[in-house]
């Protein structure tokens, strides 16, 4: 057996490439060999994150103002957060006729979001 170690093996490792080091080979008759260790590479790839715009409603004649918090994230780990999302809808204006309108989510903000591949799912207004 061989001991392998890498800073990238931690659950909190961010998207990057990390060196893998090998050491401490154990086994019968290893004294018959000269052991050399080759370094390897561990790649931490981005995790999938889906951000869904929450469905909303409004009264005809009133405008709906998005605060940027009307969304639900799915897939965050390590206490990562999405602090805001840009949300838009053609139905948000006071003059919008009574109908069902799509809410479009985009431009998520938050620390460590570079560790995710973000997919946006719309909601309805």
N, C-alpha and C. Protein backbone atom coordinates (compact mmCIF):
# COMPACT_ATOMS: atom_id res chain seq x y z
N UNK A 1 0.84 -1.18 0.00
CA UNK A 1 0.00 0.00 0.00
C UNK A 1 0.88 1.24 0.00
N UNK A 2 0.32 2.33 -0.42
CA UNK A 2 1.01 3.62 -0.50
C UNK A 2 0.09 4.68 0.09
N UNK A 3 0.65 5.63 0.80
CA UNK A 3 -0.11 6.76 1.32
C UNK A 3 -0.16 7.84 0.24
N UNK A 4 -1.36 8.31 -0.07
CA UNK A 4 -1.55 9.39 -1.03
C UNK A 4 -2.12 10.59 -0.30
N UNK A 5 -1.64 11.79 -0.63
CA UNK A 5 -2.13 13.00 0.02
C UNK A 5 -2.26 14.11 -1.01
N UNK A 6 -3.30 14.94 -0.82
CA UNK A 6 -3.51 16.09 -1.69
C UNK A 6 -4.39 17.10 -0.96
N UNK A 7 -4.03 18.38 -1.06
CA UNK A 7 -4.86 19.43 -0.48
C UNK A 7 -6.23 19.47 -1.17
N UNK A 8 -6.31 18.97 -2.37
CA UNK A 8 -7.57 18.95 -3.11
C UNK A 8 -8.54 17.88 -2.67
N UNK A 9 -8.13 17.00 -1.78
CA UNK A 9 -9.02 15.93 -1.35
C UNK A 9 -10.02 16.37 -0.29
N UNK A 10 -9.83 17.54 0.29
CA UNK A 10 -10.75 18.05 1.31
C UNK A 10 -12.09 18.42 0.66
N UNK A 11 -13.18 18.19 1.37
CA UNK A 11 -14.51 18.55 0.85
C UNK A 11 -14.62 20.04 0.57
N UNK A 12 -13.84 20.84 1.24
CA UNK A 12 -13.89 22.30 1.07
C UNK A 12 -12.92 22.81 0.00
N UNK A 13 -12.22 21.93 -0.69
CA UNK A 13 -11.27 22.37 -1.73
C UNK A 13 -12.02 23.07 -2.85
N UNK A 14 -11.50 24.21 -3.29
CA UNK A 14 -12.13 24.97 -4.36
C UNK A 14 -11.70 24.43 -5.72
N UNK A 15 -12.42 24.82 -6.75
CA UNK A 15 -12.12 24.40 -8.11
C UNK A 15 -10.69 24.80 -8.46
N UNK A 16 -9.88 23.81 -8.79
CA UNK A 16 -8.48 24.05 -9.09
C UNK A 16 -7.83 22.69 -9.39
N UNK A 17 -6.55 22.70 -9.71
CA UNK A 17 -5.78 21.46 -9.79
C UNK A 17 -4.82 21.42 -8.61
N UNK A 18 -4.63 20.24 -8.07
CA UNK A 18 -3.82 20.04 -6.88
C UNK A 18 -2.83 18.90 -7.12
N UNK A 19 -1.68 19.01 -6.50
CA UNK A 19 -0.67 17.96 -6.58
C UNK A 19 -1.05 16.81 -5.65
N UNK A 20 -0.83 15.60 -6.13
CA UNK A 20 -0.97 14.39 -5.30
C UNK A 20 0.43 13.89 -5.02
N UNK A 21 0.72 13.66 -3.74
CA UNK A 21 2.02 13.12 -3.37
C UNK A 21 1.84 11.72 -2.81
N UNK A 22 2.75 10.85 -3.16
CA UNK A 22 2.75 9.47 -2.67
C UNK A 22 3.92 9.29 -1.72
N UNK A 23 3.72 8.46 -0.69
CA UNK A 23 4.79 8.20 0.27
C UNK A 23 4.48 6.93 1.05
N UNK A 24 5.43 6.53 1.86
CA UNK A 24 5.26 5.46 2.85
C UNK A 24 4.75 4.15 2.26
N UNK A 25 5.38 3.68 1.21
CA UNK A 25 5.01 2.37 0.65
C UNK A 25 5.23 1.28 1.69
N UNK A 26 4.27 0.37 1.77
CA UNK A 26 4.37 -0.74 2.72
C UNK A 26 4.02 -2.03 2.00
N UNK A 27 4.67 -3.09 2.41
CA UNK A 27 4.37 -4.39 1.84
C UNK A 27 5.55 -5.32 2.01
N UNK A 28 5.32 -6.61 1.81
CA UNK A 28 6.40 -7.58 1.98
C UNK A 28 7.48 -7.41 0.90
N UNK A 29 8.71 -7.60 1.31
CA UNK A 29 9.87 -7.61 0.43
C UNK A 29 10.15 -6.28 -0.27
N UNK A 30 9.67 -5.15 0.28
CA UNK A 30 9.97 -3.86 -0.33
C UNK A 30 11.45 -3.52 -0.25
N UNK A 31 12.16 -4.18 0.67
CA UNK A 31 13.60 -3.97 0.79
C UNK A 31 14.35 -4.41 -0.46
N UNK A 32 13.70 -5.19 -1.30
CA UNK A 32 14.32 -5.65 -2.54
C UNK A 32 14.22 -4.62 -3.67
N UNK A 33 13.57 -3.49 -3.38
CA UNK A 33 13.30 -2.52 -4.43
C UNK A 33 13.78 -1.13 -4.01
N UNK A 34 14.11 -0.34 -4.99
CA UNK A 34 14.33 1.09 -4.76
C UNK A 34 13.02 1.78 -5.15
N UNK A 35 12.39 2.39 -4.17
CA UNK A 35 11.09 3.01 -4.41
C UNK A 35 11.29 4.48 -4.79
N UNK A 36 10.66 4.89 -5.84
CA UNK A 36 10.59 6.32 -6.18
C UNK A 36 9.12 6.66 -6.38
N UNK A 37 8.76 7.86 -6.02
CA UNK A 37 7.36 8.28 -6.07
C UNK A 37 7.18 9.33 -7.16
N UNK A 38 6.18 9.18 -7.98
CA UNK A 38 5.83 10.17 -9.00
C UNK A 38 4.63 10.97 -8.50
N UNK A 39 4.67 12.27 -8.71
CA UNK A 39 3.55 13.12 -8.31
C UNK A 39 2.43 13.00 -9.34
N UNK A 40 1.23 13.15 -8.85
CA UNK A 40 0.05 13.12 -9.72
C UNK A 40 -0.70 14.43 -9.61
N UNK A 41 -1.82 14.49 -10.29
CA UNK A 41 -2.65 15.69 -10.28
C UNK A 41 -4.09 15.31 -9.95
N UNK A 42 -4.68 16.06 -9.05
CA UNK A 42 -6.09 15.91 -8.70
C UNK A 42 -6.80 17.18 -9.17
N UNK A 43 -7.84 17.02 -9.95
CA UNK A 43 -8.60 18.17 -10.45
C UNK A 43 -9.94 18.22 -9.74
N UNK A 44 -10.24 19.36 -9.13
CA UNK A 44 -11.55 19.60 -8.52
C UNK A 44 -12.37 20.37 -9.55
N UNK A 45 -13.43 19.75 -10.04
CA UNK A 45 -14.30 20.35 -11.06
C UNK A 45 -15.46 21.08 -10.41
N UNK A 46 -16.06 22.04 -11.12
CA UNK A 46 -17.21 22.77 -10.56
C UNK A 46 -18.39 21.84 -10.31
N UNK A 47 -19.17 22.19 -9.29
CA UNK A 47 -20.38 21.45 -8.92
C UNK A 47 -21.58 22.11 -9.60
N UNK A 48 -22.59 21.33 -9.93
CA UNK A 48 -23.81 21.87 -10.53
C UNK A 48 -24.62 22.63 -9.47
N UNK A 49 -25.12 23.79 -9.85
CA UNK A 49 -25.98 24.60 -8.99
C UNK A 49 -27.15 25.07 -9.84
N UNK A 50 -28.36 24.82 -9.36
CA UNK A 50 -29.56 25.30 -10.05
C UNK A 50 -30.18 26.41 -9.21
N UNK A 51 -30.44 27.53 -9.86
CA UNK A 51 -31.11 28.64 -9.19
C UNK A 51 -32.46 28.81 -9.86
N UNK A 52 -33.52 28.68 -9.05
CA UNK A 52 -34.88 28.75 -9.56
C UNK A 52 -35.56 30.03 -9.07
N UNK A 53 -36.10 30.80 -10.01
CA UNK A 53 -36.88 31.98 -9.64
C UNK A 53 -38.16 31.52 -8.97
N UNK A 54 -38.47 32.09 -7.81
CA UNK A 54 -39.70 31.74 -7.10
C UNK A 54 -40.90 32.36 -7.81
N UNK A 55 -41.99 31.61 -7.91
CA UNK A 55 -43.21 32.14 -8.49
C UNK A 55 -43.71 33.31 -7.64
N UNK A 56 -44.29 34.30 -8.30
CA UNK A 56 -44.80 35.50 -7.62
C UNK A 56 -46.17 35.83 -8.19
N UNK A 57 -46.87 36.74 -7.51
CA UNK A 57 -48.14 37.25 -8.04
C UNK A 57 -48.24 38.73 -7.69
N UNK A 58 -49.11 39.42 -8.40
CA UNK A 58 -49.33 40.84 -8.12
C UNK A 58 -50.75 41.19 -8.54
N UNK A 59 -51.19 42.33 -8.12
CA UNK A 59 -52.52 42.84 -8.46
C UNK A 59 -52.40 43.71 -9.72
N UNK A 60 -53.32 43.55 -10.65
CA UNK A 60 -53.33 44.37 -11.86
C UNK A 60 -53.32 45.85 -11.48
N UNK A 61 -52.47 46.60 -12.16
CA UNK A 61 -52.34 48.04 -11.88
C UNK A 61 -51.22 48.37 -10.92
N UNK A 62 -50.69 47.37 -10.23
CA UNK A 62 -49.56 47.57 -9.32
C UNK A 62 -48.29 47.03 -9.98
N UNK A 63 -47.19 47.69 -9.71
CA UNK A 63 -45.90 47.19 -10.18
C UNK A 63 -45.37 46.16 -9.18
N UNK A 64 -44.60 45.23 -9.68
CA UNK A 64 -43.91 44.28 -8.80
C UNK A 64 -42.43 44.59 -8.89
N UNK A 65 -41.81 44.85 -7.74
CA UNK A 65 -40.39 45.16 -7.70
C UNK A 65 -39.64 43.97 -7.12
N UNK A 66 -38.71 43.43 -7.90
CA UNK A 66 -37.89 42.33 -7.42
C UNK A 66 -36.78 42.88 -6.53
N UNK A 67 -36.57 42.23 -5.39
CA UNK A 67 -35.49 42.63 -4.48
C UNK A 67 -34.20 41.87 -4.77
N UNK A 68 -34.29 40.81 -5.56
CA UNK A 68 -33.12 39.98 -5.86
C UNK A 68 -32.99 38.77 -4.96
N UNK A 69 -33.98 38.59 -4.08
CA UNK A 69 -33.93 37.45 -3.15
C UNK A 69 -35.06 36.45 -3.39
N UNK A 70 -35.81 36.63 -4.45
CA UNK A 70 -36.95 35.76 -4.75
C UNK A 70 -36.50 34.55 -5.57
N UNK A 71 -35.62 33.75 -5.00
CA UNK A 71 -35.08 32.59 -5.71
C UNK A 71 -34.76 31.49 -4.71
N UNK A 72 -34.60 30.28 -5.23
CA UNK A 72 -34.21 29.13 -4.41
C UNK A 72 -33.01 28.45 -5.07
N UNK A 73 -31.88 28.36 -4.34
CA UNK A 73 -30.71 27.65 -4.88
C UNK A 73 -30.77 26.17 -4.50
N UNK A 74 -30.29 25.32 -5.39
CA UNK A 74 -30.22 23.89 -5.10
C UNK A 74 -28.87 23.37 -5.56
N UNK A 75 -28.07 22.87 -4.60
CA UNK A 75 -26.78 22.30 -4.93
C UNK A 75 -25.62 22.93 -4.20
N UNK A 76 -25.89 23.93 -3.36
CA UNK A 76 -24.80 24.57 -2.61
C UNK A 76 -24.24 23.62 -1.55
N UNK A 77 -22.94 23.70 -1.32
CA UNK A 77 -22.27 22.91 -0.28
C UNK A 77 -21.35 23.82 0.52
N UNK A 78 -20.83 23.29 1.61
CA UNK A 78 -19.82 23.99 2.43
C UNK A 78 -20.28 25.36 2.92
N UNK A 79 -21.55 25.50 3.20
CA UNK A 79 -22.11 26.78 3.67
C UNK A 79 -21.95 27.91 2.66
N UNK A 80 -21.75 27.59 1.38
CA UNK A 80 -21.70 28.62 0.35
C UNK A 80 -23.08 29.24 0.21
N UNK A 81 -23.13 30.49 -0.25
CA UNK A 81 -24.39 31.21 -0.36
C UNK A 81 -24.48 31.95 -1.69
N UNK A 82 -25.71 32.13 -2.14
CA UNK A 82 -26.01 33.05 -3.23
C UNK A 82 -26.66 34.25 -2.56
N UNK A 83 -26.05 35.42 -2.69
CA UNK A 83 -26.56 36.60 -1.99
C UNK A 83 -27.63 37.33 -2.77
N UNK A 84 -27.58 37.28 -4.09
CA UNK A 84 -28.62 37.91 -4.90
C UNK A 84 -28.59 37.35 -6.31
N UNK A 85 -29.72 37.54 -6.98
CA UNK A 85 -29.89 37.12 -8.37
C UNK A 85 -30.65 38.23 -9.08
N UNK A 86 -30.29 38.52 -10.32
CA UNK A 86 -31.07 39.47 -11.11
C UNK A 86 -32.32 38.75 -11.60
N UNK A 87 -33.48 39.34 -11.31
CA UNK A 87 -34.76 38.76 -11.69
C UNK A 87 -35.54 39.80 -12.50
N UNK A 88 -36.08 39.38 -13.63
CA UNK A 88 -36.85 40.29 -14.47
C UNK A 88 -38.09 39.58 -15.00
N UNK A 89 -39.10 40.38 -15.31
CA UNK A 89 -40.31 39.85 -15.91
C UNK A 89 -41.04 40.97 -16.63
N UNK A 90 -41.54 40.67 -17.81
CA UNK A 90 -42.35 41.64 -18.56
C UNK A 90 -43.65 41.94 -17.82
N UNK A 91 -44.05 41.08 -16.92
CA UNK A 91 -45.29 41.29 -16.17
C UNK A 91 -45.13 42.14 -14.92
N UNK A 92 -43.92 42.60 -14.64
CA UNK A 92 -43.68 43.35 -13.40
C UNK A 92 -44.20 44.78 -13.43
N UNK A 93 -44.38 45.34 -14.61
CA UNK A 93 -44.82 46.74 -14.69
C UNK A 93 -46.29 46.87 -14.31
N UNK A 94 -46.66 48.05 -13.83
CA UNK A 94 -48.05 48.31 -13.43
C UNK A 94 -49.00 48.19 -14.61
N UNK A 95 -48.51 48.46 -15.82
CA UNK A 95 -49.37 48.43 -17.00
C UNK A 95 -49.51 47.04 -17.63
N UNK A 96 -48.86 46.04 -17.08
CA UNK A 96 -48.94 44.68 -17.65
C UNK A 96 -50.36 44.15 -17.53
N UNK A 97 -50.87 43.61 -18.64
CA UNK A 97 -52.20 43.01 -18.64
C UNK A 97 -52.22 41.76 -17.77
N UNK A 98 -53.40 41.37 -17.34
CA UNK A 98 -53.55 40.15 -16.56
C UNK A 98 -53.17 38.97 -17.47
N UNK A 99 -52.18 38.23 -17.05
CA UNK A 99 -51.67 37.09 -17.82
C UNK A 99 -50.62 36.39 -16.97
N UNK A 100 -50.08 35.33 -17.48
CA UNK A 100 -48.96 34.66 -16.83
C UNK A 100 -47.69 35.05 -17.58
N UNK A 101 -46.70 35.53 -16.83
CA UNK A 101 -45.44 35.98 -17.41
C UNK A 101 -44.29 35.18 -16.82
N UNK A 102 -43.26 34.98 -17.63
CA UNK A 102 -42.07 34.29 -17.13
C UNK A 102 -41.22 35.24 -16.30
N UNK A 103 -40.67 34.72 -15.21
CA UNK A 103 -39.64 35.43 -14.44
C UNK A 103 -38.31 34.82 -14.87
N UNK A 104 -37.40 35.67 -15.32
CA UNK A 104 -36.08 35.22 -15.76
C UNK A 104 -35.05 35.51 -14.69
N UNK A 105 -34.27 34.51 -14.33
CA UNK A 105 -33.20 34.66 -13.34
C UNK A 105 -31.86 34.67 -14.07
N UNK A 106 -30.92 35.49 -13.57
CA UNK A 106 -29.58 35.55 -14.16
C UNK A 106 -28.63 36.22 -13.17
N UNK A 107 -27.36 36.22 -13.51
CA UNK A 107 -26.32 37.00 -12.81
C UNK A 107 -26.29 36.78 -11.30
N UNK A 108 -26.21 35.54 -10.87
CA UNK A 108 -26.11 35.24 -9.44
C UNK A 108 -24.85 35.86 -8.85
N UNK A 109 -24.98 36.35 -7.62
CA UNK A 109 -23.86 36.94 -6.90
C UNK A 109 -23.64 36.18 -5.60
N UNK A 110 -22.40 36.11 -5.18
CA UNK A 110 -22.07 35.47 -3.91
C UNK A 110 -20.64 34.99 -3.93
N UNK A 111 -20.07 34.85 -2.74
CA UNK A 111 -18.69 34.36 -2.67
C UNK A 111 -18.63 32.89 -3.10
N UNK A 112 -17.57 32.52 -3.72
CA UNK A 112 -17.26 31.14 -4.11
C UNK A 112 -18.15 30.57 -5.21
N UNK A 113 -18.91 31.41 -5.90
CA UNK A 113 -19.77 30.88 -6.97
C UNK A 113 -18.96 30.41 -8.17
N UNK A 114 -17.68 30.76 -8.22
CA UNK A 114 -16.83 30.25 -9.30
C UNK A 114 -16.60 28.74 -9.17
N UNK A 115 -17.00 28.17 -8.04
CA UNK A 115 -16.89 26.73 -7.82
C UNK A 115 -18.10 25.96 -8.36
N UNK A 116 -19.00 26.67 -9.04
CA UNK A 116 -20.24 26.06 -9.51
C UNK A 116 -20.46 26.34 -11.00
N UNK A 117 -21.15 25.41 -11.65
CA UNK A 117 -21.72 25.65 -12.97
C UNK A 117 -23.19 25.94 -12.72
N UNK A 118 -23.60 27.16 -12.99
CA UNK A 118 -24.94 27.61 -12.61
C UNK A 118 -25.91 27.47 -13.77
N UNK A 119 -27.06 26.86 -13.47
CA UNK A 119 -28.18 26.76 -14.39
C UNK A 119 -29.34 27.52 -13.77
N UNK A 120 -30.02 28.31 -14.58
CA UNK A 120 -31.14 29.11 -14.09
C UNK A 120 -32.45 28.51 -14.61
N UNK A 121 -33.45 28.48 -13.72
CA UNK A 121 -34.79 28.02 -14.06
C UNK A 121 -35.75 29.16 -13.77
N UNK A 122 -36.61 29.47 -14.73
CA UNK A 122 -37.54 30.58 -14.56
C UNK A 122 -38.70 30.23 -13.65
N UNK A 123 -39.37 31.27 -13.22
CA UNK A 123 -40.59 31.15 -12.45
C UNK A 123 -41.71 31.84 -13.21
N UNK A 124 -42.86 32.00 -12.56
CA UNK A 124 -43.97 32.70 -13.20
C UNK A 124 -44.47 33.82 -12.32
N UNK A 125 -44.98 34.85 -12.99
CA UNK A 125 -45.59 36.00 -12.31
C UNK A 125 -46.98 36.13 -12.87
